[in-house]
Amino acid sequence: MTGEFECSRAACRRTATHHILWRNPRIHPEDRRKTWLACDEHVDFLSDYLRARDFPVDVREGLPE
């Protein structure tokens, strides 16, 4: 890896430009958040995938600090 963060979409090697915070309320406590990284092309796909499962989702531009 060249120091860049890659998109979490399977087989995508593009540089991430967003991060998606989510949790599965059936197994994660309120304060637990998981993070997926997304490129511009896949940010909607990944966030829609999580929302379709009724997971709380928060999409933010840039990478997590």
N, C-alpha and C. Protein backbone atom coordinates (compact mmCIF):
# COMPACT_ATOMS: atom_id res chain seq x y z
N MET A 1 0.85 -1.18 0.00
CA MET A 1 0.00 0.00 0.00
C MET A 1 0.89 1.24 0.00
N THR A 2 0.47 2.27 -0.68
CA THR A 2 1.31 3.44 -0.88
C THR A 2 1.03 4.55 0.12
N GLY A 3 0.44 4.26 1.25
CA GLY A 3 0.12 5.29 2.22
C GLY A 3 -1.27 5.88 2.01
N GLU A 4 -1.93 5.51 0.93
CA GLU A 4 -3.29 5.96 0.68
C GLU A 4 -4.26 4.92 1.24
N PHE A 5 -5.43 5.38 1.63
CA PHE A 5 -6.44 4.47 2.14
C PHE A 5 -7.36 4.08 1.00
N GLU A 6 -7.61 2.78 0.89
CA GLU A 6 -8.42 2.25 -0.20
C GLU A 6 -9.89 2.11 0.18
N CYS A 7 -10.73 2.19 -0.82
CA CYS A 7 -12.17 1.98 -0.69
C CYS A 7 -12.44 0.57 -0.14
N SER A 8 -13.48 0.45 0.68
CA SER A 8 -13.86 -0.84 1.28
C SER A 8 -14.68 -1.73 0.35
N ARG A 9 -15.12 -1.22 -0.79
CA ARG A 9 -15.89 -2.02 -1.74
C ARG A 9 -15.01 -3.12 -2.28
N ALA A 10 -15.54 -4.34 -2.34
CA ALA A 10 -14.77 -5.49 -2.81
C ALA A 10 -14.17 -5.21 -4.18
N ALA A 11 -12.91 -5.52 -4.33
CA ALA A 11 -12.15 -5.40 -5.58
C ALA A 11 -11.88 -3.96 -6.01
N CYS A 12 -12.26 -2.98 -5.22
CA CYS A 12 -11.97 -1.58 -5.55
C CYS A 12 -10.64 -1.19 -4.92
N ARG A 13 -9.79 -0.59 -5.69
CA ARG A 13 -8.48 -0.16 -5.19
C ARG A 13 -8.32 1.36 -5.27
N ARG A 14 -9.44 2.06 -5.46
CA ARG A 14 -9.38 3.52 -5.54
C ARG A 14 -9.13 4.13 -4.17
N THR A 15 -8.63 5.33 -4.18
CA THR A 15 -8.37 6.06 -2.94
C THR A 15 -9.69 6.47 -2.29
N ALA A 16 -9.80 6.23 -0.99
CA ALA A 16 -11.00 6.60 -0.24
C ALA A 16 -11.08 8.12 -0.09
N THR A 17 -12.29 8.63 -0.24
CA THR A 17 -12.54 10.07 -0.10
C THR A 17 -13.61 10.34 0.96
N HIS A 18 -14.23 9.30 1.48
CA HIS A 18 -15.29 9.40 2.49
C HIS A 18 -15.09 8.28 3.52
N HIS A 19 -15.68 8.48 4.68
CA HIS A 19 -15.77 7.36 5.62
C HIS A 19 -17.22 7.24 6.08
N ILE A 20 -17.62 5.99 6.28
CA ILE A 20 -18.98 5.66 6.65
C ILE A 20 -18.94 5.03 8.04
N LEU A 21 -19.61 5.68 8.98
CA LEU A 21 -19.71 5.15 10.34
C LEU A 21 -21.04 4.43 10.46
N TRP A 22 -21.02 3.22 10.98
CA TRP A 22 -22.24 2.43 11.08
C TRP A 22 -22.13 1.46 12.24
N ARG A 23 -23.28 0.89 12.59
CA ARG A 23 -23.31 -0.19 13.59
C ARG A 23 -24.51 -1.07 13.34
N ASN A 24 -24.38 -2.29 13.79
CA ASN A 24 -25.49 -3.23 13.75
C ASN A 24 -26.13 -3.20 15.14
N PRO A 25 -27.30 -2.58 15.28
CA PRO A 25 -27.90 -2.42 16.61
C PRO A 25 -28.26 -3.74 17.29
N ARG A 26 -28.34 -4.82 16.55
CA ARG A 26 -28.65 -6.12 17.16
C ARG A 26 -27.47 -6.70 17.92
N ILE A 27 -26.25 -6.28 17.55
CA ILE A 27 -25.08 -6.86 18.21
C ILE A 27 -24.10 -5.84 18.78
N HIS A 28 -24.20 -4.57 18.37
CA HIS A 28 -23.27 -3.54 18.85
C HIS A 28 -23.96 -2.60 19.83
N PRO A 29 -23.28 -2.26 20.93
CA PRO A 29 -23.85 -1.27 21.85
C PRO A 29 -23.90 0.11 21.17
N GLU A 30 -24.65 1.02 21.76
CA GLU A 30 -24.86 2.36 21.20
C GLU A 30 -23.54 3.09 20.91
N ASP A 31 -22.53 2.90 21.73
CA ASP A 31 -21.28 3.63 21.56
C ASP A 31 -20.29 2.97 20.61
N ARG A 32 -20.63 1.83 20.07
CA ARG A 32 -19.74 1.11 19.14
C ARG A 32 -20.06 1.52 17.71
N ARG A 33 -19.07 1.95 16.95
CA ARG A 33 -19.23 2.30 15.54
C ARG A 33 -18.15 1.61 14.74
N LYS A 34 -18.54 1.08 13.61
CA LYS A 34 -17.58 0.51 12.68
C LYS A 34 -17.36 1.53 11.57
N THR A 35 -16.24 1.44 10.88
CA THR A 35 -15.91 2.39 9.82
C THR A 35 -15.59 1.66 8.54
N TRP A 36 -16.24 2.08 7.47
CA TRP A 36 -15.87 1.67 6.12
C TRP A 36 -15.38 2.90 5.39
N LEU A 37 -14.40 2.71 4.53
CA LEU A 37 -13.91 3.79 3.69
C LEU A 37 -14.51 3.64 2.30
N ALA A 38 -14.73 4.76 1.62
CA ALA A 38 -15.37 4.71 0.30
C ALA A 38 -14.76 5.74 -0.64
N CYS A 39 -14.64 5.34 -1.90
CA CYS A 39 -14.25 6.28 -2.95
C CYS A 39 -15.51 7.01 -3.42
N ASP A 40 -15.34 8.02 -4.25
CA ASP A 40 -16.49 8.78 -4.76
C ASP A 40 -17.50 7.87 -5.48
N GLU A 41 -17.01 6.89 -6.21
CA GLU A 41 -17.89 6.03 -6.98
C GLU A 41 -18.73 5.10 -6.11
N HIS A 42 -18.21 4.65 -4.98
CA HIS A 42 -18.89 3.63 -4.17
C HIS A 42 -19.52 4.12 -2.88
N VAL A 43 -19.40 5.39 -2.56
CA VAL A 43 -19.95 5.88 -1.29
C VAL A 43 -21.46 5.64 -1.21
N ASP A 44 -22.19 5.88 -2.27
CA ASP A 44 -23.64 5.65 -2.25
C ASP A 44 -23.96 4.16 -2.17
N PHE A 45 -23.24 3.34 -2.92
CA PHE A 45 -23.47 1.90 -2.91
C PHE A 45 -23.29 1.34 -1.50
N LEU A 46 -22.18 1.68 -0.86
CA LEU A 46 -21.90 1.14 0.47
C LEU A 46 -22.88 1.65 1.53
N SER A 47 -23.19 2.93 1.49
CA SER A 47 -24.13 3.45 2.49
C SER A 47 -25.54 2.92 2.26
N ASP A 48 -25.95 2.78 1.01
CA ASP A 48 -27.27 2.20 0.71
C ASP A 48 -27.35 0.74 1.16
N TYR A 49 -26.27 0.00 0.99
CA TYR A 49 -26.20 -1.40 1.43
C TYR A 49 -26.47 -1.50 2.93
N LEU A 50 -25.84 -0.62 3.70
CA LEU A 50 -26.03 -0.63 5.15
C LEU A 50 -27.42 -0.15 5.55
N ARG A 51 -27.91 0.88 4.90
CA ARG A 51 -29.25 1.41 5.22
C ARG A 51 -30.34 0.38 4.89
N ALA A 52 -30.14 -0.41 3.86
CA ALA A 52 -31.12 -1.44 3.49
C ALA A 52 -31.28 -2.48 4.60
N ARG A 53 -30.29 -2.58 5.47
CA ARG A 53 -30.34 -3.51 6.60
C ARG A 53 -30.78 -2.81 7.88
N ASP A 54 -31.25 -1.57 7.75
CA ASP A 54 -31.71 -0.76 8.89
C ASP A 54 -30.62 -0.47 9.91
N PHE A 55 -29.38 -0.36 9.44
CA PHE A 55 -28.28 0.01 10.33
C PHE A 55 -28.19 1.53 10.38
N PRO A 56 -27.91 2.10 11.55
CA PRO A 56 -27.64 3.54 11.62
C PRO A 56 -26.36 3.83 10.83
N VAL A 57 -26.42 4.83 9.95
CA VAL A 57 -25.32 5.16 9.06
C VAL A 57 -25.07 6.66 9.09
N ASP A 58 -23.79 7.03 9.14
CA ASP A 58 -23.39 8.43 9.06
C ASP A 58 -22.25 8.52 8.05
N VAL A 59 -22.47 9.23 6.93
CA VAL A 59 -21.46 9.38 5.89
C VAL A 59 -20.77 10.73 6.06
N ARG A 60 -19.45 10.71 6.05
CA ARG A 60 -18.67 11.93 6.21
C ARG A 60 -17.60 12.03 5.13
N GLU A 61 -17.39 13.24 4.65
CA GLU A 61 -16.33 13.45 3.67
C GLU A 61 -14.98 13.36 4.35
N GLY A 62 -13.98 12.96 3.59
CA GLY A 62 -12.63 12.84 4.10
C GLY A 62 -12.42 11.54 4.85
N LEU A 63 -11.24 11.42 5.39
CA LEU A 63 -10.87 10.22 6.15
C LEU A 63 -11.03 10.48 7.63
N PRO A 64 -11.24 9.43 8.42
CA PRO A 64 -11.38 9.62 9.87
C PRO A 64 -10.07 10.12 10.46
N GLU A 65 -10.21 10.88 11.52
CA GLU A 65 -9.00 11.42 12.19
C GLU A 65 -8.46 10.46 13.20
